[in-house]
Amino acid sequence: MTPRPVQWARGLLGLVALSHLIVPIVMWAARADLRTTIAEGSPELGPVELGKAVDVAVGSAVVFHVLLLALALWLIVKLPTGLPWVRRLATVSQVLSVVFGFVSWSSSPMFHAVIPVVGLVEVALVVLLWAPRASRAFFRGESKGSAPAPGPH
């Protein structure tokens, strides 16, 4: 049975996945605001170049966030297996997402209200996968009344 902290981590990963779905949609819907932000940061761009810059920003966000959405959904499915490499992949992906959040913060004010919240959720998710005794035992292959699973972890 999947321990409660891992179940909670999966729930938080669902919220992270939702954020990866919403970000490109908001960017697409707020193209005018994005255009203004880019124009303020690069006043030398003409209308055509500015339009291309907006297209690149939105297109990049779609690709980046769709990949992270797919990874988050896949991890939600795989975490209950208790495989140590799944926990490590979840950890690395969430730590990198926090780092990328700093990059997003510095590049545009569009998501300043959301980035710290998502970052805290990602940190909490990692803590839930590593700190509770039940999580550590689960990913070592231990369960009540059984010996640790053989092999490298």
C-alpha atoms as a PDB file:
ATOM      1  CA  MET A   1       0.000   0.000   0.000  1.00  0.00           C
ATOM      2  CA  THR A   2       1.253   3.478  -0.864  1.00  0.00           C
ATOM      3  CA  PRO A   3       2.019   5.441   2.317  1.00  0.00           C
ATOM      4  CA  ARG A   4       0.054   8.586   3.019  1.00  0.00           C
ATOM      5  CA  PRO A   5       3.015  11.014   2.481  1.00  0.00           C
ATOM      6  CA  VAL A   6       3.577   9.555  -0.998  1.00  0.00           C
ATOM      7  CA  GLN A   7      -0.149   9.867  -1.709  1.00  0.00           C
ATOM      8  CA  TRP A   8       0.008  13.514  -0.638  1.00  0.00           C
ATOM      9  CA  ALA A   9       3.072  14.025  -2.841  1.00  0.00           C
ATOM     10  CA  ARG A  10       1.099  12.602  -5.761  1.00  0.00           C
ATOM     11  CA  GLY A  11      -1.703  15.071  -5.027  1.00  0.00           C
ATOM     12  CA  LEU A  12       0.757  17.957  -4.986  1.00  0.00           C
ATOM     13  CA  LEU A  13       2.233  16.658  -8.227  1.00  0.00           C
ATOM     14  CA  GLY A  14      -1.279  16.865  -9.654  1.00  0.00           C
ATOM     15  CA  LEU A  15      -1.370  20.561  -8.728  1.00  0.00           C
ATOM     16  CA  VAL A  16       2.025  21.053 -10.374  1.00  0.00           C
ATOM     17  CA  ALA A  17       0.723  19.280 -13.485  1.00  0.00           C
ATOM     18  CA  LEU A  18      -2.291  21.592 -13.506  1.00  0.00           C
ATOM     19  CA  SER A  19       0.018  24.612 -13.365  1.00  0.00           C
ATOM     20  CA  HIS A  20       1.894  23.274 -16.406  1.00  0.00           C
ATOM     21  CA  LEU A  21      -1.409  23.042 -18.247  1.00  0.00           C
ATOM     22  CA  ILE A  22      -2.542  26.537 -17.282  1.00  0.00           C
ATOM     23  CA  VAL A  23       0.652  28.539 -17.930  1.00  0.00           C
ATOM     24  CA  PRO A  24       0.736  28.243 -21.742  1.00  0.00           C
ATOM     25  CA  ILE A  25      -3.018  28.848 -21.942  1.00  0.00           C
ATOM     26  CA  VAL A  26      -2.666  32.055 -19.918  1.00  0.00           C
ATOM     27  CA  MET A  27       0.318  33.159 -22.003  1.00  0.00           C
ATOM     28  CA  TRP A  28      -1.633  32.599 -25.204  1.00  0.00           C
ATOM     29  CA  ALA A  29      -4.657  34.444 -23.834  1.00  0.00           C
ATOM     30  CA  ALA A  30      -2.496  37.328 -22.573  1.00  0.00           C
ATOM     31  CA  ARG A  31      -0.480  37.755 -25.762  1.00  0.00           C
ATOM     32  CA  ALA A  32      -1.101  41.517 -25.719  1.00  0.00           C
ATOM     33  CA  ASP A  33       0.378  41.831 -22.214  1.00  0.00           C
ATOM     34  CA  LEU A  34       3.287  39.642 -23.247  1.00  0.00           C
ATOM     35  CA  ARG A  35       3.823  41.830 -26.322  1.00  0.00           C
ATOM     36  CA  THR A  36       3.926  44.925 -24.086  1.00  0.00           C
ATOM     37  CA  THR A  37       6.421  43.280 -21.711  1.00  0.00           C
ATOM     38  CA  ILE A  38       8.704  42.243 -24.568  1.00  0.00           C
ATOM     39  CA  ALA A  39       8.419  45.682 -26.201  1.00  0.00           C
ATOM     40  CA  GLU A  40       9.402  47.383 -22.929  1.00  0.00           C
ATOM     41  CA  GLY A  41      12.434  45.121 -22.585  1.00  0.00           C
ATOM     42  CA  SER A  42      13.449  45.372 -26.247  1.00  0.00           C
ATOM     43  CA  PRO A  43      12.329  48.736 -27.631  1.00  0.00           C
ATOM     44  CA  GLU A  44      14.481  48.254 -30.737  1.00  0.00           C
ATOM     45  CA  LEU A  45      12.154  45.548 -32.068  1.00  0.00           C
ATOM     46  CA  GLY A  46       9.818  46.544 -34.871  1.00  0.00           C
ATOM     47  CA  PRO A  47       6.241  45.278 -35.103  1.00  0.00           C
ATOM     48  CA  VAL A  48       7.154  42.198 -37.159  1.00  0.00           C
ATOM     49  CA  GLU A  49      10.062  41.206 -34.910  1.00  0.00           C
ATOM     50  CA  LEU A  50       7.928  41.856 -31.840  1.00  0.00           C
ATOM     51  CA  GLY A  51       5.198  39.571 -33.183  1.00  0.00           C
ATOM     52  CA  LYS A  52       7.780  36.862 -33.845  1.00  0.00           C
ATOM     53  CA  ALA A  53       9.194  37.263 -30.323  1.00  0.00           C
ATOM     54  CA  VAL A  54       5.723  36.803 -28.842  1.00  0.00           C
ATOM     55  CA  ASP A  55       5.174  33.729 -31.016  1.00  0.00           C
ATOM     56  CA  VAL A  56       8.510  32.261 -29.898  1.00  0.00           C
ATOM     57  CA  ALA A  57       7.753  32.957 -26.223  1.00  0.00           C
ATOM     58  CA  VAL A  58       4.312  31.352 -26.400  1.00  0.00           C
ATOM     59  CA  GLY A  59       5.533  28.434 -28.541  1.00  0.00           C
ATOM     60  CA  SER A  60       8.448  27.773 -26.195  1.00  0.00           C
ATOM     61  CA  ALA A  61       6.127  27.864 -23.184  1.00  0.00           C
ATOM     62  CA  VAL A  62       3.761  25.399 -24.847  1.00  0.00           C
ATOM     63  CA  VAL A  63       6.550  22.916 -25.633  1.00  0.00           C
ATOM     64  CA  PHE A  64       8.264  23.277 -22.258  1.00  0.00           C
ATOM     65  CA  HIS A  65       5.113  23.047 -20.158  1.00  0.00           C
ATOM     66  CA  VAL A  66       3.536  20.219 -22.181  1.00  0.00           C
ATOM     67  CA  LEU A  67       6.695  18.162 -21.626  1.00  0.00           C
ATOM     68  CA  LEU A  68       6.631  18.925 -17.897  1.00  0.00           C
ATOM     69  CA  LEU A  69       2.899  18.166 -17.779  1.00  0.00           C
ATOM     70  CA  ALA A  70       3.519  14.769 -19.379  1.00  0.00           C
ATOM     71  CA  LEU A  71       6.381  14.055 -16.965  1.00  0.00           C
ATOM     72  CA  ALA A  72       4.263  15.042 -13.948  1.00  0.00           C
ATOM     73  CA  LEU A  73       1.371  12.836 -15.057  1.00  0.00           C
ATOM     74  CA  TRP A  74       3.725   9.930 -15.697  1.00  0.00           C
ATOM     75  CA  LEU A  75       5.293  10.375 -12.242  1.00  0.00           C
ATOM     76  CA  ILE A  76       1.841  10.414 -10.627  1.00  0.00           C
ATOM     77  CA  VAL A  77       1.257   6.988 -12.164  1.00  0.00           C
ATOM     78  CA  LYS A  78       4.745   5.621 -11.356  1.00  0.00           C
ATOM     79  CA  LEU A  79       5.260   6.852  -7.766  1.00  0.00           C
ATOM     80  CA  PRO A  80       3.062   4.119  -6.232  1.00  0.00           C
ATOM     81  CA  THR A  81       5.481   1.500  -7.628  1.00  0.00           C
ATOM     82  CA  GLY A  82       7.937   2.481  -4.908  1.00  0.00           C
ATOM     83  CA  LEU A  83      10.858   2.284  -7.320  1.00  0.00           C
ATOM     84  CA  PRO A  84      13.752   4.383  -6.000  1.00  0.00           C
ATOM     85  CA  TRP A  85      14.642   5.800  -9.426  1.00  0.00           C
ATOM     86  CA  VAL A  86      11.088   7.146  -9.779  1.00  0.00           C
ATOM     87  CA  ARG A  87      11.488   9.069  -6.511  1.00  0.00           C
ATOM     88  CA  ARG A  88      14.870  10.377  -7.692  1.00  0.00           C
ATOM     89  CA  LEU A  89      13.409  11.474 -11.044  1.00  0.00           C
ATOM     90  CA  ALA A  90      10.502  13.179  -9.288  1.00  0.00           C
ATOM     91  CA  THR A  91      12.958  14.944  -6.995  1.00  0.00           C
ATOM     92  CA  VAL A  92      15.257  16.124  -9.782  1.00  0.00           C
ATOM     93  CA  SER A  93      12.348  17.308 -11.927  1.00  0.00           C
ATOM     94  CA  GLN A  94      10.817  19.308  -9.082  1.00  0.00           C
ATOM     95  CA  VAL A  95      14.120  20.858  -7.985  1.00  0.00           C
ATOM     96  CA  LEU A  96      14.793  21.868 -11.598  1.00  0.00           C
ATOM     97  CA  SER A  97      11.269  23.291 -11.822  1.00  0.00           C
ATOM     98  CA  VAL A  98      12.012  25.494  -8.816  1.00  0.00           C
ATOM     99  CA  VAL A  99      15.203  26.687 -10.538  1.00  0.00           C
ATOM    100  CA  PHE A 100      13.310  27.343 -13.785  1.00  0.00           C
ATOM    101  CA  GLY A 101      10.800  29.291 -11.705  1.00  0.00           C
ATOM    102  CA  PHE A 102      13.567  31.770 -10.859  1.00  0.00           C
ATOM    103  CA  VAL A 103      14.321  32.114 -14.579  1.00  0.00           C
ATOM    104  CA  SER A 104      10.633  32.729 -15.319  1.00  0.00           C
ATOM    105  CA  TRP A 105      10.469  35.239 -12.490  1.00  0.00           C
ATOM    106  CA  SER A 106      13.341  37.255 -13.929  1.00  0.00           C
ATOM    107  CA  SER A 107      12.056  37.150 -17.513  1.00  0.00           C
ATOM    108  CA  SER A 108       8.473  38.334 -17.006  1.00  0.00           C
ATOM    109  CA  PRO A 109       6.207  39.650 -14.259  1.00  0.00           C
ATOM    110  CA  MET A 110       3.243  37.766 -15.758  1.00  0.00           C
ATOM    111  CA  PHE A 111       3.366  34.928 -13.206  1.00  0.00           C
ATOM    112  CA  HIS A 112       4.926  36.619 -10.172  1.00  0.00           C
ATOM    113  CA  ALA A 113       1.906  35.773  -8.031  1.00  0.00           C
ATOM    114  CA  VAL A 114       2.016  32.087  -8.970  1.00  0.00           C
ATOM    115  CA  ILE A 115       5.716  31.190  -9.150  1.00  0.00           C
ATOM    116  CA  PRO A 116       6.379  31.257  -5.365  1.00  0.00           C
ATOM    117  CA  VAL A 117       3.253  29.204  -4.652  1.00  0.00           C
ATOM    118  CA  VAL A 118       4.138  26.529  -7.207  1.00  0.00           C
ATOM    119  CA  GLY A 119       7.739  26.556  -5.945  1.00  0.00           C
ATOM    120  CA  LEU A 120       6.572  25.915  -2.379  1.00  0.00           C
ATOM    121  CA  VAL A 121       4.335  23.083  -3.584  1.00  0.00           C
ATOM    122  CA  GLU A 122       7.305  21.531  -5.418  1.00  0.00           C
ATOM    123  CA  VAL A 123       9.524  21.811  -2.327  1.00  0.00           C
ATOM    124  CA  ALA A 124       6.794  20.281  -0.146  1.00  0.00           C
ATOM    125  CA  LEU A 125       6.416  17.452  -2.646  1.00  0.00           C
ATOM    126  CA  VAL A 126      10.145  16.646  -2.436  1.00  0.00           C
ATOM    127  CA  VAL A 127      10.047  16.783   1.370  1.00  0.00           C
ATOM    128  CA  LEU A 128       7.121  14.344   1.399  1.00  0.00           C
ATOM    129  CA  LEU A 129       9.074  11.902  -0.780  1.00  0.00           C
ATOM    130  CA  TRP A 130      12.212  11.961   1.393  1.00  0.00           C
ATOM    131  CA  ALA A 131      11.552  13.090   4.976  1.00  0.00           C
ATOM    132  CA  PRO A 132       8.784  10.889   6.401  1.00  0.00           C
ATOM    133  CA  ARG A 133       9.915   7.508   7.662  1.00  0.00           C
ATOM    134  CA  ALA A 134       7.040   5.843   5.785  1.00  0.00           C
ATOM    135  CA  SER A 135       8.228   7.319   2.469  1.00  0.00           C
ATOM    136  CA  ARG A 136      11.829   6.261   3.031  1.00  0.00           C
ATOM    137  CA  ALA A 137      10.762   2.717   3.930  1.00  0.00           C
ATOM    138  CA  PHE A 138       8.405   2.541   0.936  1.00  0.00           C
ATOM    139  CA  PHE A 139      11.131   3.462  -1.532  1.00  0.00           C
ATOM    140  CA  ARG A 140      13.508   0.986   0.120  1.00  0.00           C
ATOM    141  CA  GLY A 141      10.943  -1.727  -0.609  1.00  0.00           C
ATOM    142  CA  GLU A 142      10.023  -2.275   3.010  1.00  0.00           C
ATOM    143  CA  SER A 143       6.515  -2.912   4.210  1.00  0.00           C
ATOM    144  CA  LYS A 144       5.094  -4.023   7.547  1.00  0.00           C
ATOM    145  CA  GLY A 145       6.472  -7.376   8.473  1.00  0.00           C
ATOM    146  CA  SER A 146       8.727  -7.803   5.461  1.00  0.00           C
ATOM    147  CA  ALA A 147      12.428  -7.531   4.854  1.00  0.00           C
ATOM    148  CA  PRO A 148      13.894  -4.891   2.540  1.00  0.00           C
ATOM    149  CA  ALA A 149      13.787  -5.788  -1.111  1.00  0.00           C
ATOM    150  CA  PRO A 150      17.075  -7.219  -2.426  1.00  0.00           C
ATOM    151  CA  GLY A 151      19.192  -5.399  -4.968  1.00  0.00           C
ATOM    152  CA  PRO A 152      20.600  -1.905  -5.373  1.00  0.00           C
ATOM    153  CA  HIS A 153      18.513   1.093  -4.345  1.00  0.00           C
END
